[in-house]
N, C-alpha and C. Protein backbone atom coordinates (compact mmCIF):
# COMPACT_ATOMS: atom_id res chain seq x y z
N MET A 1 121.80 78.75 91.81
CA MET A 1 121.27 79.49 93.05
C MET A 1 120.75 80.54 92.67
N PRO A 2 119.44 80.69 93.16
CA PRO A 2 118.61 82.01 93.15
C PRO A 2 119.57 83.20 93.55
N THR A 3 119.05 84.37 93.13
CA THR A 3 119.82 85.56 93.65
C THR A 3 118.82 86.15 94.75
N PRO A 4 119.90 86.28 95.83
CA PRO A 4 119.30 86.85 97.07
C PRO A 4 118.32 88.05 96.92
N ASP A 5 117.09 88.14 97.42
CA ASP A 5 116.05 88.95 97.40
C ASP A 5 116.78 90.31 97.94
N PRO A 6 116.84 91.55 96.99
CA PRO A 6 117.53 92.50 97.69
C PRO A 6 117.04 93.45 98.90
N THR A 7 115.25 93.27 99.04
CA THR A 7 114.87 93.72 100.26
C THR A 7 115.47 93.16 101.35
N LEU A 8 115.29 91.70 101.38
CA LEU A 8 115.88 90.64 102.42
C LEU A 8 117.17 91.10 102.72
N LYS A 9 118.09 91.29 101.69
CA LYS A 9 119.67 91.44 101.67
C LYS A 9 119.90 93.03 102.63
N ARG A 10 119.08 93.86 102.42
CA ARG A 10 119.12 95.02 102.87
C ARG A 10 118.57 95.03 104.51
N LEU A 11 117.52 94.28 105.03
CA LEU A 11 117.28 94.02 105.86
C LEU A 11 118.20 93.22 106.96
N GLN A 12 118.61 91.97 106.29
CA GLN A 12 119.58 91.46 106.93
C GLN A 12 121.06 92.45 107.44
N ALA A 13 121.43 93.05 106.74
CA ALA A 13 122.28 93.84 106.77
C ALA A 13 122.27 94.50 107.89
N ALA A 14 121.16 95.36 108.11
CA ALA A 14 120.52 96.27 109.21
C ALA A 14 120.12 95.75 110.38
N ALA A 15 119.78 94.17 110.35
CA ALA A 15 119.61 93.72 111.67
C ALA A 15 120.93 92.74 112.05
N LYS A 16 122.18 92.93 111.17
CA LYS A 16 123.16 91.98 111.67
C LYS A 16 123.83 92.05 112.96
N GLY A 17 123.85 91.23 113.55
CA GLY A 17 124.73 91.65 115.02
C GLY A 17 123.74 92.11 116.33
N LEU A 18 122.49 92.28 115.53
CA LEU A 18 121.39 93.01 116.94
C LEU A 18 121.04 92.04 117.69
N THR A 19 120.82 92.35 119.21
CA THR A 19 119.75 91.41 120.14
C THR A 19 118.80 92.47 120.63
N TYR A 20 117.74 91.87 121.14
CA TYR A 20 116.71 92.97 121.64
C TYR A 20 116.67 92.66 123.34
N PRO A 21 116.74 93.42 123.62
CA PRO A 21 117.16 93.09 125.26
C PRO A 21 115.85 93.04 126.22
N SER A 22 115.54 91.87 126.58
CA SER A 22 114.31 91.58 127.54
C SER A 22 114.75 90.58 128.59
N GLU A 23 114.34 89.90 129.46
CA GLU A 23 114.55 89.12 130.40
C GLU A 23 115.73 87.76 129.69
N THR A 24 115.61 88.22 128.13
CA THR A 24 116.53 87.09 127.42
C THR A 24 116.83 87.99 126.30
N ASP A 25 117.97 88.17 126.12
CA ASP A 25 118.42 89.00 124.84
C ASP A 25 118.65 87.88 123.70
N ALA A 26 117.65 88.29 122.91
CA ALA A 26 117.20 87.39 121.44
C ALA A 26 117.76 87.74 120.35
N PRO A 27 118.39 87.49 119.28
CA PRO A 27 118.93 88.14 118.09
C PRO A 27 117.77 88.45 117.19
N VAL A 28 117.87 89.64 116.61
CA VAL A 28 117.14 90.05 115.58
C VAL A 28 117.37 89.83 114.15
N LYS A 29 116.34 88.93 113.61
CA LYS A 29 116.38 88.42 112.14
C LYS A 29 115.52 88.77 111.23
N ALA A 30 116.04 88.91 110.00
CA ALA A 30 115.34 89.47 108.97
C ALA A 30 114.40 88.37 108.16
N PHE A 31 113.43 88.79 107.49
CA PHE A 31 112.69 87.36 107.16
C PHE A 31 111.96 87.91 105.78
N LEU A 32 111.73 87.24 104.78
CA LEU A 32 110.68 87.62 103.58
C LEU A 32 109.83 86.08 103.62
N TRP A 33 108.38 86.78 103.66
CA TRP A 33 107.44 85.38 103.59
C TRP A 33 107.27 85.26 101.86
N ALA A 34 107.75 84.82 101.22
CA ALA A 34 107.99 84.93 99.68
C ALA A 34 106.58 84.15 99.57
N ASP A 35 106.19 83.15 100.13
CA ASP A 35 104.89 82.25 99.79
C ASP A 35 103.64 82.89 100.23
N ALA A 36 103.78 83.88 100.75
CA ALA A 36 102.42 84.78 101.05
C ALA A 36 101.85 85.36 100.08
N PRO A 37 100.21 85.23 99.63
CA PRO A 37 99.79 86.24 98.76
C PRO A 37 100.13 87.33 98.56
N ARG A 38 100.48 88.11 97.50
CA ARG A 38 100.77 89.43 97.62
C ARG A 38 99.57 90.26 97.98
N GLY A 39 99.84 91.20 98.91
CA GLY A 39 98.72 92.27 99.18
C GLY A 39 97.75 91.65 100.13
N GLU A 40 97.76 90.21 100.61
CA GLU A 40 96.79 89.72 101.44
C GLU A 40 96.92 90.53 102.83
N ALA A 41 95.95 90.56 103.63
CA ALA A 41 95.86 91.23 105.12
C ALA A 41 96.28 90.30 105.84
N LEU A 42 97.12 90.84 107.01
CA LEU A 42 97.86 90.31 107.90
C LEU A 42 96.59 90.03 109.17
N MET A 43 96.09 88.75 109.04
CA MET A 43 95.15 88.72 110.09
C MET A 43 95.77 87.88 111.14
N PRO A 44 95.41 87.83 112.47
CA PRO A 44 96.05 86.77 113.24
C PRO A 44 96.63 85.63 113.18
N ASP A 45 95.31 84.83 112.34
CA ASP A 45 95.65 83.07 111.88
C ASP A 45 96.66 83.40 110.79
N ARG A 46 96.61 84.30 109.92
CA ARG A 46 97.56 84.26 108.66
C ARG A 46 98.98 84.45 109.35
N VAL A 47 99.33 85.34 110.25
CA VAL A 47 100.37 85.87 110.84
C VAL A 47 101.04 84.58 111.47
N ARG A 48 100.35 84.04 112.06
CA ARG A 48 100.98 82.50 113.08
C ARG A 48 101.41 81.74 112.20
N GLN A 49 100.46 81.47 111.04
CA GLN A 49 100.95 80.37 109.68
C GLN A 49 102.05 80.68 109.25
N LEU A 50 102.12 81.94 108.83
CA LEU A 50 103.15 82.79 108.19
C LEU A 50 104.39 82.34 108.87
N ALA A 51 104.44 82.72 110.37
CA ALA A 51 105.49 82.55 111.17
C ALA A 51 105.95 81.25 111.60
N LYS A 52 104.94 80.37 111.09
CA LYS A 52 105.23 79.18 111.35
C LYS A 52 105.21 79.10 113.42
N LEU A 53 104.26 79.16 113.74
CA LEU A 53 103.93 79.40 115.16
C LEU A 53 102.31 78.74 115.47
N PRO A 54 102.80 78.25 116.66
CA PRO A 54 101.34 77.57 117.33
C PRO A 54 100.07 78.13 116.61
N ALA A 55 99.02 77.43 116.37
CA ALA A 55 97.80 77.67 116.04
C ALA A 55 97.09 78.70 117.03
N ASP A 56 96.84 78.27 118.20
CA ASP A 56 96.49 78.62 119.41
C ASP A 56 96.96 79.53 119.98
N ALA A 57 98.22 79.98 119.88
CA ALA A 57 99.04 81.16 120.32
C ALA A 57 98.15 82.38 120.04
N PRO A 58 98.28 83.45 121.17
CA PRO A 58 97.48 84.76 121.13
C PRO A 58 98.21 85.53 120.24
N VAL A 59 97.90 86.37 119.40
CA VAL A 59 98.38 87.42 118.77
C VAL A 59 97.84 88.55 119.16
N THR A 60 98.70 89.60 119.45
CA THR A 60 98.25 91.12 119.73
C THR A 60 98.96 91.91 118.70
N PRO A 61 98.24 93.29 118.52
CA PRO A 61 99.07 94.28 118.04
C PRO A 61 100.37 94.77 118.81
N LEU A 62 101.13 95.27 118.27
CA LEU A 62 102.58 95.73 119.09
C LEU A 62 102.44 97.10 118.05
N ASP A 63 102.69 98.20 119.57
CA ASP A 63 102.91 99.51 118.83
C ASP A 63 104.30 99.66 118.97
N LEU A 64 104.91 99.81 117.63
CA LEU A 64 106.16 100.08 116.94
C LEU A 64 106.84 101.02 117.91
N ASP A 65 106.40 102.42 118.24
CA ASP A 65 107.25 103.48 119.03
C ASP A 65 107.61 102.63 120.24
N GLN A 66 106.66 101.91 120.91
CA GLN A 66 106.96 101.27 122.11
C GLN A 66 107.83 100.39 122.00
N PHE A 67 107.87 99.33 121.06
CA PHE A 67 108.63 98.39 121.20
C PHE A 67 109.91 98.73 120.75
N PHE A 68 110.60 99.75 120.11
CA PHE A 68 111.65 100.48 119.72
C PHE A 68 112.23 101.43 120.77
N ALA A 69 111.49 101.92 121.43
CA ALA A 69 111.90 103.09 122.42
C ALA A 69 113.12 102.78 123.65
N PRO A 70 113.06 101.49 123.83
CA PRO A 70 114.07 101.25 124.91
C PRO A 70 115.56 101.12 124.22
N VAL A 71 115.47 100.84 122.77
CA VAL A 71 116.60 100.56 122.17
C VAL A 71 117.21 101.77 121.13
N LEU A 72 116.38 102.74 121.18
CA LEU A 72 116.75 104.03 120.54
C LEU A 72 116.91 105.06 121.54
N THR A 73 116.95 104.91 122.79
CA THR A 73 116.95 105.89 123.84
C THR A 73 118.38 105.70 124.55
N GLU A 74 119.45 106.80 124.12
CA GLU A 74 120.97 106.56 125.03
C GLU A 74 120.40 107.09 126.31
N ALA A 75 121.36 106.70 127.14
CA ALA A 75 121.35 106.79 128.65
C ALA A 75 122.47 107.22 129.15
N ASP A 76 122.88 108.03 129.99
CA ASP A 76 124.05 108.32 130.35
C ASP A 76 125.10 107.26 130.90
N TRP A 77 124.65 106.28 131.37
CA TRP A 77 125.47 105.07 131.75
C TRP A 77 126.08 104.40 130.53
N HIS A 78 125.40 104.57 129.14
CA HIS A 78 125.84 103.74 128.00
C HIS A 78 127.66 104.12 127.61
N GLY A 79 127.93 102.90 127.78
CA GLY A 79 129.40 102.93 127.12
C GLY A 79 129.51 102.85 125.54
N PRO A 80 130.53 102.59 125.08
CA PRO A 80 130.72 102.64 123.33
C PRO A 80 130.21 101.80 122.81
N GLU A 81 129.72 100.42 123.56
CA GLU A 81 129.02 99.28 122.82
C GLU A 81 127.59 99.48 122.89
N GLU A 82 127.02 100.22 123.94
CA GLU A 82 125.85 100.42 124.03
C GLU A 82 125.18 101.84 122.99
N GLN A 83 126.29 102.57 122.95
CA GLN A 83 125.98 103.73 122.15
C GLN A 83 126.07 103.23 120.69
N ALA A 84 126.80 102.20 120.41
CA ALA A 84 126.80 101.25 119.08
C ALA A 84 125.60 100.76 118.85
N ALA A 85 124.88 100.04 119.97
CA ALA A 85 123.90 99.26 119.74
C ALA A 85 122.43 100.48 118.90
N VAL A 86 122.57 101.45 120.08
CA VAL A 86 121.58 102.62 119.75
C VAL A 86 121.73 102.98 118.51
N ARG A 87 122.81 103.48 117.76
CA ARG A 87 122.91 103.73 116.30
C ARG A 87 122.47 102.70 115.53
N ALA A 88 122.74 101.30 115.79
CA ALA A 88 122.57 100.37 114.82
C ALA A 88 121.12 99.98 114.81
N PHE A 89 120.42 100.30 116.00
CA PHE A 89 118.96 99.88 115.97
C PHE A 89 117.85 101.02 115.42
N ARG A 90 118.80 102.31 115.43
CA ARG A 90 118.20 103.40 114.22
C ARG A 90 118.36 103.13 113.30
N THR A 91 119.22 102.91 112.89
CA THR A 91 119.52 102.39 111.21
C THR A 91 118.75 101.12 110.98
N LEU A 92 118.45 100.28 111.79
CA LEU A 92 117.38 99.35 111.38
C LEU A 92 115.69 99.74 111.52
N ARG A 93 115.52 100.81 112.17
CA ARG A 93 114.32 101.01 112.13
C ARG A 93 113.95 102.00 110.87
N GLN A 94 114.99 102.78 110.48
CA GLN A 94 115.17 103.65 109.44
C GLN A 94 114.99 102.68 107.98
N THR A 95 115.85 101.67 108.00
CA THR A 95 116.20 100.93 107.08
C THR A 95 114.36 99.94 107.00
N LEU A 96 113.72 99.78 107.89
CA LEU A 96 112.40 99.27 107.69
C LEU A 96 111.07 100.25 107.12
N GLU A 97 111.48 101.52 107.99
CA GLU A 97 110.28 102.49 107.23
C GLU A 97 110.78 103.06 105.85
N GLU A 98 112.22 102.88 105.52
CA GLU A 98 112.30 103.15 103.85
C GLU A 98 112.13 102.06 103.04
N THR A 99 112.21 100.65 103.41
CA THR A 99 112.02 99.63 102.84
C THR A 99 110.96 99.09 102.43
N LEU A 100 109.81 99.18 103.51
CA LEU A 100 108.74 98.60 103.84
C LEU A 100 107.63 99.72 103.92
N SER A 101 106.56 99.40 103.12
CA SER A 101 105.09 100.37 103.66
C SER A 101 104.29 99.23 104.58
N ASP A 102 103.22 100.33 105.15
CA ASP A 102 102.42 99.57 106.38
C ASP A 102 102.82 98.98 107.26
N LEU A 103 103.98 99.41 107.85
CA LEU A 103 104.68 98.52 109.18
C LEU A 103 103.29 98.22 110.04
N GLN A 104 103.67 96.88 110.52
CA GLN A 104 102.53 96.74 111.59
C GLN A 104 103.78 95.91 112.74
N GLY A 105 103.17 95.87 113.85
CA GLY A 105 103.71 95.07 114.84
C GLY A 105 102.96 93.69 115.39
N PHE A 106 103.45 92.98 115.74
CA PHE A 106 102.72 91.96 116.32
C PHE A 106 103.38 91.21 117.17
N GLN A 107 102.88 90.68 118.80
CA GLN A 107 103.41 89.91 119.55
C GLN A 107 102.42 88.68 119.74
N ILE A 108 103.61 87.26 119.64
CA ILE A 108 102.61 86.14 119.67
C ILE A 108 103.11 85.43 120.72
N GLY A 109 102.38 85.34 121.31
CA GLY A 109 102.56 84.19 122.96
C GLY A 109 102.16 84.69 123.97
N GLU A 110 102.45 84.31 125.04
CA GLU A 110 102.38 85.58 126.42
C GLU A 110 103.64 85.52 127.28
N ILE A 111 104.13 84.76 127.77
CA ILE A 111 105.25 84.86 128.65
C ILE A 111 106.66 85.08 127.55
N GLU A 112 106.74 83.91 127.04
CA GLU A 112 107.61 84.20 125.91
C GLU A 112 106.91 84.29 124.37
N GLN A 113 107.42 85.61 124.13
CA GLN A 113 106.56 85.89 122.88
C GLN A 113 107.80 86.18 121.54
N THR A 114 107.02 85.73 120.57
CA THR A 114 107.82 86.07 119.09
C THR A 114 106.96 87.67 118.64
N VAL A 115 108.22 88.70 118.37
CA VAL A 115 107.45 89.68 118.29
C VAL A 115 107.92 90.17 116.53
N LEU A 116 107.20 90.19 116.03
CA LEU A 116 107.38 90.45 114.44
C LEU A 116 107.16 91.94 114.07
N VAL A 117 107.85 92.63 113.50
CA VAL A 117 107.65 93.82 112.48
C VAL A 117 107.53 93.72 111.24
N VAL A 118 106.52 93.85 110.75
CA VAL A 118 106.24 93.28 109.15
C VAL A 118 105.46 94.50 108.55
N GLY A 119 105.73 94.57 107.05
CA GLY A 119 105.78 95.45 106.09
C GLY A 119 105.73 94.91 104.70
N GLN A 120 105.06 95.35 103.71
CA GLN A 120 105.15 95.20 102.32
C GLN A 120 106.52 95.51 101.90
N THR A 121 106.87 94.77 100.90
CA THR A 121 108.24 95.08 100.03
C THR A 121 107.01 95.91 98.73
N GLY A 122 108.13 96.67 97.87
CA GLY A 122 107.61 97.13 96.86
C GLY A 122 106.69 96.48 95.70
N ASP A 123 106.86 95.11 95.67
CA ASP A 123 106.25 94.31 94.94
C ASP A 123 104.79 93.58 95.52
N GLY A 124 104.77 93.94 97.01
CA GLY A 124 103.65 93.56 97.41
C GLY A 124 103.79 92.19 98.59
N ARG A 125 104.96 91.64 98.55
CA ARG A 125 105.42 90.68 99.41
C ARG A 125 105.49 91.04 100.84
N TYR A 126 105.37 90.27 101.89
CA TYR A 126 105.69 90.82 103.01
C TYR A 126 107.51 90.25 103.71
N ALA A 127 107.45 91.20 104.53
CA ALA A 127 109.24 91.09 105.04
C ALA A 127 109.20 91.84 106.27
N GLY A 128 109.98 91.63 106.92
CA GLY A 128 110.43 92.58 108.24
C GLY A 128 111.63 91.61 109.27
N ILE A 129 111.28 91.92 110.41
CA ILE A 129 112.16 91.39 111.40
C ILE A 129 111.21 90.45 112.55
N ARG A 130 112.19 89.48 112.90
CA ARG A 130 111.23 89.01 114.29
C ARG A 130 112.30 88.91 115.56
N THR A 131 112.14 88.76 116.51
CA THR A 131 113.00 88.56 117.59
C THR A 131 111.87 88.04 118.74
N LYS A 132 112.71 87.57 119.75
CA LYS A 132 111.84 86.78 120.98
C LYS A 132 111.95 87.87 122.30
N VAL A 133 110.79 87.82 123.01
CA VAL A 133 110.69 88.79 124.14
C VAL A 133 110.46 87.86 124.87
N VAL A 134 110.94 87.80 126.30
CA VAL A 134 110.47 87.26 127.30
C VAL A 134 110.11 88.57 128.92
N GLU A 135 108.75 88.22 129.06
CA GLU A 135 107.98 89.23 129.85
C GLU A 135 107.64 88.39 130.88
N THR A 136 108.13 88.44 132.35
CA THR A 136 107.33 87.77 133.39
C THR A 136 106.66 88.50 134.45
């Protein structure tokens, strides 16, 4: 059995149990694109292919500050569970920034979107997190 990739393990630990709130609360999952050529530019066609999404799905850049803002901000009405989720998302963002370089965000699809936050590992592979967001 192959040894789990340490970068993937770290991202999985940071994302464990998190769901991203939208019209559907979807789990946040870590990934590693081990089969992507190292250092390859992430163009829309390649992102769709690596994420195993339809070839005709529109790909748009995603502002990472905008993506994380709703889950990193505490509100007066937050109870212990919501406060814990904010802390966990802060840890996730910090882990992404410490573990990966050249972080980029992508939204793929229209109403039901796959959201990817992708960066390069120290050895040039791509890894990150993915979730679903529904916007009507």
